[in-house]
C-alpha atoms as a PDB file:
ATOM      1  CA  MET A   1      -0.191   0.161   0.095  1.00  0.00           C
ATOM      2  CA  ALA A   2       1.296   3.482  -1.029  1.00  0.00           C
ATOM      3  CA  LEU A   3       2.042   6.264   1.552  1.00  0.00           C
ATOM      4  CA  ALA A   4       0.107   9.119   1.390  1.00  0.00           C
ATOM      5  CA  SER A   5       3.799  11.129   0.719  1.00  0.00           C
ATOM      6  CA  GLU A   6       4.203   8.907  -2.278  1.00  0.00           C
ATOM      7  CA  VAL A   7       0.864   9.531  -3.457  1.00  0.00           C
ATOM      8  CA  ASP A   8       1.520  13.103  -2.876  1.00  0.00           C
ATOM      9  CA  ALA A   9       4.662  12.978  -4.599  1.00  0.00           C
ATOM     10  CA  ALA A  10       4.041  11.204  -7.610  1.00  0.00           C
ATOM     11  CA  SER A  11       0.752  13.831  -8.117  1.00  0.00           C
ATOM     12  CA  LEU A  12       3.252  16.545  -7.433  1.00  0.00           C
ATOM     13  CA  ALA A  13       5.842  15.098 -10.078  1.00  0.00           C
ATOM     14  CA  GLN A  14       2.511  15.295 -13.159  1.00  0.00           C
ATOM     15  CA  GLN A  15       2.022  18.860 -12.581  1.00  0.00           C
ATOM     16  CA  THR A  16       3.122  21.704 -14.393  1.00  0.00           C
ATOM     17  CA  THR A  17       1.982  25.387 -15.119  1.00  0.00           C
ATOM     18  CA  ALA A  18       0.278  26.220 -18.428  1.00  0.00           C
ATOM     19  CA  ARG A  19       2.937  28.155 -19.213  1.00  0.00           C
ATOM     20  CA  ALA A  20       5.548  25.483 -19.185  1.00  0.00           C
ATOM     21  CA  LEU A  21       3.227  23.759 -21.457  1.00  0.00           C
ATOM     22  CA  ILE A  22       2.624  26.212 -24.080  1.00  0.00           C
ATOM     23  CA  GLN A  23       6.579  26.657 -24.218  1.00  0.00           C
ATOM     24  CA  ALA A  24       6.895  23.146 -24.924  1.00  0.00           C
ATOM     25  CA  ALA A  25       4.555  23.710 -27.868  1.00  0.00           C
ATOM     26  CA  ILE A  26       6.594  26.198 -29.000  1.00  0.00           C
ATOM     27  CA  ARG A  27       9.490  24.116 -28.882  1.00  0.00           C
ATOM     28  CA  PHE A  28       7.660  21.496 -31.130  1.00  0.00           C
ATOM     29  CA  GLU A  29       6.232  23.517 -33.603  1.00  0.00           C
ATOM     30  CA  TRP A  30       9.396  25.436 -34.242  1.00  0.00           C
ATOM     31  CA  SER A  31      11.031  22.164 -34.841  1.00  0.00           C
ATOM     32  CA  ALA A  32       8.487  20.926 -36.691  1.00  0.00           C
ATOM     33  CA  HIS A  33       9.016  23.926 -38.930  1.00  0.00           C
ATOM     34  CA  LEU A  34      13.023  23.278 -39.197  1.00  0.00           C
ATOM     35  CA  PHE A  35      12.490  19.644 -39.689  1.00  0.00           C
ATOM     36  CA  TYR A  36      10.038  20.313 -42.920  1.00  0.00           C
ATOM     37  CA  ALA A  37      12.107  23.476 -44.183  1.00  0.00           C
ATOM     38  CA  GLU A  38      15.037  21.090 -44.378  1.00  0.00           C
ATOM     39  CA  LEU A  39      13.380  18.328 -46.324  1.00  0.00           C
ATOM     40  CA  THR A  40      12.892  20.714 -49.031  1.00  0.00           C
ATOM     41  CA  GLY A  41      16.172  20.520 -50.178  1.00  0.00           C
ATOM     42  CA  LYS A  42      16.250  16.321 -49.554  1.00  0.00           C
ATOM     43  CA  VAL A  43      12.992  15.096 -50.969  1.00  0.00           C
ATOM     44  CA  ARG A  44      11.620  14.919 -54.823  1.00  0.00           C
ATOM     45  CA  PRO A  45      10.071  17.770 -56.668  1.00  0.00           C
ATOM     46  CA  ALA A  46       6.853  16.153 -56.415  1.00  0.00           C
ATOM     47  CA  LEU A  47       7.252  16.695 -52.864  1.00  0.00           C
ATOM     48  CA  VAL A  48       8.147  19.985 -52.603  1.00  0.00           C
ATOM     49  CA  PRO A  49       5.289  21.872 -52.368  1.00  0.00           C
ATOM     50  CA  LEU A  50       3.994  19.351 -49.392  1.00  0.00           C
ATOM     51  CA  VAL A  51       7.180  19.863 -47.233  1.00  0.00           C
ATOM     52  CA  ALA A  52       7.365  23.679 -47.824  1.00  0.00           C
ATOM     53  CA  GLU A  53       3.502  24.377 -47.129  1.00  0.00           C
ATOM     54  CA  LEU A  54       3.858  22.035 -44.133  1.00  0.00           C
ATOM     55  CA  ALA A  55       7.421  24.062 -43.068  1.00  0.00           C
ATOM     56  CA  ASP A  56       5.032  27.217 -43.582  1.00  0.00           C
ATOM     57  CA  GLU A  57       2.522  26.276 -41.272  1.00  0.00           C
ATOM     58  CA  GLU A  58       4.506  25.038 -38.385  1.00  0.00           C
ATOM     59  CA  ARG A  59       6.020  28.404 -38.018  1.00  0.00           C
ATOM     60  CA  GLN A  60       2.613  30.280 -38.271  1.00  0.00           C
ATOM     61  CA  HIS A  61       1.689  27.727 -35.157  1.00  0.00           C
ATOM     62  CA  HIS A  62       4.864  28.654 -33.559  1.00  0.00           C
ATOM     63  CA  ALA A  63       3.873  32.220 -34.287  1.00  0.00           C
ATOM     64  CA  HIS A  64       0.204  31.606 -32.829  1.00  0.00           C
ATOM     65  CA  LEU A  65       1.460  29.941 -29.611  1.00  0.00           C
ATOM     66  CA  VAL A  66       4.343  32.869 -29.395  1.00  0.00           C
ATOM     67  CA  GLU A  67       1.067  35.443 -28.936  1.00  0.00           C
ATOM     68  CA  LEU A  68      -0.984  33.120 -27.048  1.00  0.00           C
ATOM     69  CA  LEU A  69       1.782  33.172 -24.722  1.00  0.00           C
ATOM     70  CA  GLU A  70       1.951  37.075 -24.445  1.00  0.00           C
ATOM     71  CA  ARG A  71      -1.455  37.629 -24.054  1.00  0.00           C
ATOM     72  CA  VAL A  72      -1.977  39.855 -20.951  1.00  0.00           C
ATOM     73  CA  ASP A  73      -5.539  39.286 -20.369  1.00  0.00           C
ATOM     74  CA  PHE A  74      -4.728  36.090 -18.838  1.00  0.00           C
ATOM     75  CA  MET A  75      -0.642  35.842 -17.647  1.00  0.00           C
ATOM     76  CA  GLU A  76      -2.690  34.364 -13.918  1.00  0.00           C
ATOM     77  CA  GLU A  77      -3.856  31.694 -16.240  1.00  0.00           C
ATOM     78  CA  LEU A  78      -0.475  30.394 -17.293  1.00  0.00           C
ATOM     79  CA  GLN A  79       0.847  30.476 -14.208  1.00  0.00           C
ATOM     80  CA  SER A  80      -1.738  27.825 -13.133  1.00  0.00           C
ATOM     81  CA  GLN A  81      -1.008  24.198 -12.220  1.00  0.00           C
ATOM     82  CA  MET A  82      -2.152  21.775 -14.682  1.00  0.00           C
ATOM     83  CA  THR A  83      -1.819  18.044 -14.586  1.00  0.00           C
ATOM     84  CA  LEU A  84       0.694  16.718 -17.461  1.00  0.00           C
ATOM     85  CA  PRO A  85      -1.571  15.203 -20.274  1.00  0.00           C
ATOM     86  CA  HIS A  86      -0.820  11.654 -21.036  1.00  0.00           C
ATOM     87  CA  THR A  87      -0.067  12.483 -24.260  1.00  0.00           C
ATOM     88  CA  SER A  88       3.396  14.487 -23.312  1.00  0.00           C
ATOM     89  CA  ALA A  89       6.083  12.425 -23.533  1.00  0.00           C
ATOM     90  CA  ARG A  90       5.288  11.113 -26.762  1.00  0.00           C
ATOM     91  CA  PHE A  91       4.966  14.953 -28.044  1.00  0.00           C
ATOM     92  CA  ASP A  92       7.987  16.054 -26.080  1.00  0.00           C
ATOM     93  CA  ALA A  93      10.084  12.788 -27.521  1.00  0.00           C
ATOM     94  CA  LEU A  94       9.236  13.880 -31.205  1.00  0.00           C
ATOM     95  CA  ILE A  95      10.668  18.033 -30.513  1.00  0.00           C
ATOM     96  CA  ASP A  96      14.177  16.543 -31.344  1.00  0.00           C
ATOM     97  CA  ASN A  97      13.939  16.219 -34.703  1.00  0.00           C
ATOM     98  CA  PRO A  98      14.931  12.756 -36.223  1.00  0.00           C
ATOM     99  CA  GLU A  99      17.947  11.945 -38.531  1.00  0.00           C
ATOM    100  CA  LEU A 100      16.912  10.620 -41.992  1.00  0.00           C
ATOM    101  CA  PRO A 101      18.851   9.409 -44.597  1.00  0.00           C
ATOM    102  CA  ALA A 102      21.081  12.021 -46.965  1.00  0.00           C
ATOM    103  CA  GLN A 103      18.057  10.816 -49.347  1.00  0.00           C
ATOM    104  CA  PRO A 104      15.366   9.339 -47.624  1.00  0.00           C
ATOM    105  CA  ASP A 105      12.287   8.307 -49.898  1.00  0.00           C
ATOM    106  CA  GLU A 106       9.047   9.198 -49.267  1.00  0.00           C
ATOM    107  CA  ASP A 107       7.849   6.784 -46.896  1.00  0.00           C
ATOM    108  CA  ASP A 108      10.989   7.702 -44.622  1.00  0.00           C
ATOM    109  CA  ILE A 109       9.493  11.104 -44.453  1.00  0.00           C
ATOM    110  CA  LEU A 110       5.683  10.792 -44.620  1.00  0.00           C
ATOM    111  CA  ALA A 111       6.637   8.163 -41.598  1.00  0.00           C
ATOM    112  CA  VAL A 112       7.833  10.217 -39.162  1.00  0.00           C
ATOM    113  CA  ALA A 113       5.810  13.408 -40.664  1.00  0.00           C
ATOM    114  CA  LEU A 114       2.783  11.765 -39.608  1.00  0.00           C
ATOM    115  CA  ALA A 115       3.755  10.223 -36.281  1.00  0.00           C
ATOM    116  CA  ARG A 116       4.810  14.148 -35.487  1.00  0.00           C
ATOM    117  CA  GLU A 117       1.377  15.373 -36.692  1.00  0.00           C
ATOM    118  CA  GLU A 118      -0.558  12.669 -34.969  1.00  0.00           C
ATOM    119  CA  ALA A 119       1.313  13.205 -31.881  1.00  0.00           C
ATOM    120  CA  ALA A 120       0.150  17.250 -31.842  1.00  0.00           C
ATOM    121  CA  ALA A 121      -2.766  16.629 -33.090  1.00  0.00           C
ATOM    122  CA  GLU A 122      -3.649  14.452 -29.531  1.00  0.00           C
ATOM    123  CA  HIS A 123      -1.697  16.341 -27.427  1.00  0.00           C
ATOM    124  CA  TYR A 124      -3.342  19.824 -28.884  1.00  0.00           C
ATOM    125  CA  ALA A 125      -6.669  18.032 -28.124  1.00  0.00           C
ATOM    126  CA  ARG A 126      -6.228  16.899 -24.446  1.00  0.00           C
ATOM    127  CA  LEU A 127      -4.720  20.190 -23.503  1.00  0.00           C
ATOM    128  CA  ALA A 128      -7.802  21.973 -25.239  1.00  0.00           C
ATOM    129  CA  GLU A 129     -10.260  19.765 -23.235  1.00  0.00           C
ATOM    130  CA  ASP A 130      -7.495  20.787 -19.812  1.00  0.00           C
ATOM    131  CA  ALA A 131      -7.832  24.224 -20.469  1.00  0.00           C
ATOM    132  CA  ALA A 132      -9.676  26.313 -17.846  1.00  0.00           C
ATOM    133  CA  HIS A 133      -9.236  30.113 -19.395  1.00  0.00           C
ATOM    134  CA  PRO A 134     -11.437  30.258 -22.918  1.00  0.00           C
ATOM    135  CA  ALA A 135      -8.433  31.532 -24.810  1.00  0.00           C
ATOM    136  CA  MET A 136      -6.316  28.687 -24.421  1.00  0.00           C
ATOM    137  CA  ARG A 137      -9.075  26.152 -25.007  1.00  0.00           C
ATOM    138  CA  GLN A 138      -9.842  28.159 -28.241  1.00  0.00           C
ATOM    139  CA  GLY A 139      -6.045  28.692 -29.099  1.00  0.00           C
ATOM    140  CA  PHE A 140      -5.322  24.942 -28.976  1.00  0.00           C
ATOM    141  CA  ALA A 141      -8.314  23.848 -30.622  1.00  0.00           C
ATOM    142  CA  TYR A 142      -7.376  25.802 -33.362  1.00  0.00           C
ATOM    143  CA  LEU A 143      -3.663  23.885 -33.575  1.00  0.00           C
ATOM    144  CA  ARG A 144      -5.690  20.299 -32.694  1.00  0.00           C
ATOM    145  CA  ASP A 145      -7.741  21.339 -35.937  1.00  0.00           C
ATOM    146  CA  GLU A 146      -4.613  22.420 -37.757  1.00  0.00           C
ATOM    147  CA  GLU A 147      -2.565  19.455 -36.880  1.00  0.00           C
ATOM    148  CA  ILE A 148      -5.698  16.502 -37.674  1.00  0.00           C
ATOM    149  CA  SER A 149      -5.407  18.579 -41.832  1.00  0.00           C
ATOM    150  CA  HIS A 150      -2.096  18.211 -41.550  1.00  0.00           C
ATOM    151  CA  VAL A 151      -2.527  14.608 -40.712  1.00  0.00           C
ATOM    152  CA  ALA A 152      -5.140  14.241 -43.884  1.00  0.00           C
ATOM    153  CA  GLN A 153      -2.973  15.293 -46.246  1.00  0.00           C
ATOM    154  CA  LEU A 154      -0.276  13.798 -45.506  1.00  0.00           C
ATOM    155  CA  GLY A 155      -2.618  10.049 -45.776  1.00  0.00           C
ATOM    156  CA  GLN A 156      -3.844  11.815 -49.343  1.00  0.00           C
ATOM    157  CA  ARG A 157      -0.085  11.571 -50.227  1.00  0.00           C
ATOM    158  CA  TRP A 158       0.659   8.679 -48.726  1.00  0.00           C
ATOM    159  CA  GLY A 159      -2.052   6.999 -50.490  1.00  0.00           C
ATOM    160  CA  ARG A 160      -1.478   8.079 -53.488  1.00  0.00           C
ATOM    161  CA  LEU A 161       2.080   7.231 -53.104  1.00  0.00           C
ATOM    162  CA  GLU A 162       0.756   3.532 -52.504  1.00  0.00           C
ATOM    163  CA  ASP A 163      -1.673   4.072 -55.682  1.00  0.00           C
ATOM    164  CA  THR A 164       1.227   4.839 -58.331  1.00  0.00           C
ATOM    165  CA  ARG A 165       3.181   1.609 -56.740  1.00  0.00           C
ATOM    166  CA  ASN A 166       0.254  -0.786 -57.335  1.00  0.00           C
ATOM    167  CA  ALA A 167      -0.439   0.926 -60.775  1.00  0.00           C
ATOM    168  CA  PRO A 168       0.625  -1.797 -63.885  1.00  0.00           C
ATOM    169  CA  CYS A 169       3.605  -0.822 -65.648  1.00  0.00           C
ATOM    170  CA  PRO A 170       3.140  -0.132 -68.882  1.00  0.00           C
ATOM    171  CA  ALA A 171       3.269  -2.231 -71.471  1.00  0.00           C
END
């Protein structure tokens, strides 16, 4: 049986501030921007528009989060304690961009990109549910919807890639 102090310590370890959660999201979005921006020089020309669009959108997400962090109307809310969502470990692990081969194939790129976008969508959905302040809820819901859109874009691209692989060879 766990002692009350052990339970309290475990509970405290799962606490953070809203500010810290937003700062982690800022780091995540900037690393995503850099990930996609670096890929523009490594992918086939057909994939460059998608990768460039994702890089730009992640830069916009970064700016959105910085603005959210700087809003004076909920500075007190930023200091409030929040429980770390169960999604934090996966989300935080993806802040550091993975090493891809010098000439990554589309499967490599799409797998990493899809993992990043799915983790972000899940994490932002959880943060939107847990946020107490309406502006913070709205901000995280916006990011959740953006990341869900990215997942769909990447899924469509991967589907088209599979279609071309499975197409019969010309005779």
